[in-house]
Amino acid sequence: MNETPPIELSCPTCQTKIIWDERYPFRPFCSERCKLIDLGEWANENHRIAGEDTHAKNDEL
């Protein structure tokens, strides 16, 4: 039988190569540190999902 090859990817924060398995419990991040850095970026609104600005729309009502 052919086994599925492991999924390799880069940590979104530091670009370290990891394999998607139990050795990396914080996947897709390589570590808890990288996961928390990413969370901080979202909290500081440095990362955003494109879309309409709902705050401006609510202010007009």
Protein backbone atom coordinates (compact mmCIF):
# COMPACT_ATOMS: atom_id res chain seq x y z
CA MET A 1 0.00 0.00 0.00
CA ASN A 2 1.09 3.53 -0.68
CA GLU A 3 1.31 5.74 2.38
CA THR A 4 0.36 9.36 2.10
CA PRO A 5 3.50 11.49 2.32
CA PRO A 6 3.63 13.82 5.32
CA ILE A 7 2.39 17.35 4.81
CA GLU A 8 5.26 19.81 5.04
CA LEU A 9 4.63 23.50 5.54
CA SER A 10 6.29 26.65 6.81
CA CYS A 11 5.39 28.30 10.11
CA PRO A 12 3.37 31.43 9.22
CA THR A 13 5.39 33.49 11.72
CA CYS A 14 9.04 32.45 11.34
CA GLN A 15 8.94 30.26 8.19
CA THR A 16 10.52 27.24 9.98
CA LYS A 17 9.71 24.06 8.05
CA ILE A 18 7.44 21.70 10.00
CA ILE A 19 5.56 18.48 9.33
CA TRP A 20 1.84 18.31 10.09
CA ASP A 21 1.85 15.73 12.87
CA GLU A 22 1.82 15.29 16.64
CA ARG A 23 5.40 16.56 16.99
CA TYR A 24 4.05 20.06 16.39
CA PRO A 25 1.01 20.51 18.68
CA PHE A 26 0.76 24.23 17.79
CA ARG A 27 0.51 23.58 14.03
CA PRO A 28 0.49 25.36 11.68
CA PHE A 29 2.93 27.18 13.95
CA CYS A 30 6.25 25.63 14.97
CA SER A 31 5.88 26.66 18.62
CA GLU A 32 3.61 28.30 21.16
CA ARG A 33 5.77 31.43 20.89
CA CYS A 34 5.04 31.80 17.17
CA LYS A 35 1.34 31.13 17.80
CA LEU A 36 1.23 33.91 20.42
CA ILE A 37 3.11 36.33 18.16
CA ASP A 38 0.47 35.75 15.47
CA LEU A 39 -2.36 36.20 17.98
CA GLY A 40 -0.81 39.51 19.06
CA GLU A 41 -0.69 40.66 15.44
CA TRP A 42 -4.43 40.00 15.11
CA ALA A 43 -5.16 41.71 18.45
CA ASN A 44 -3.22 44.81 17.32
CA GLU A 45 -5.20 44.75 14.05
CA ASN A 46 -2.03 44.27 12.01
CA HIS A 47 -3.80 41.34 10.30
CA ARG A 48 -7.25 41.84 8.84
CA ILE A 49 -9.74 39.98 6.71
CA ALA A 50 -10.83 42.01 3.70
CA GLY A 51 -14.42 43.22 3.69
CA GLU A 52 -16.68 46.16 4.33
CA ASP A 53 -16.05 48.36 7.36
CA THR A 54 -19.05 47.52 9.56
CA HIS A 55 -18.22 50.22 12.12
CA ALA A 56 -18.66 53.00 9.55
CA LYS A 57 -21.92 51.45 8.35
CA ASN A 58 -23.31 51.29 11.93
CA ASP A 59 -22.34 54.93 12.60
CA GLU A 60 -24.55 56.09 9.71
CA LEU A 61 -27.73 54.58 11.19
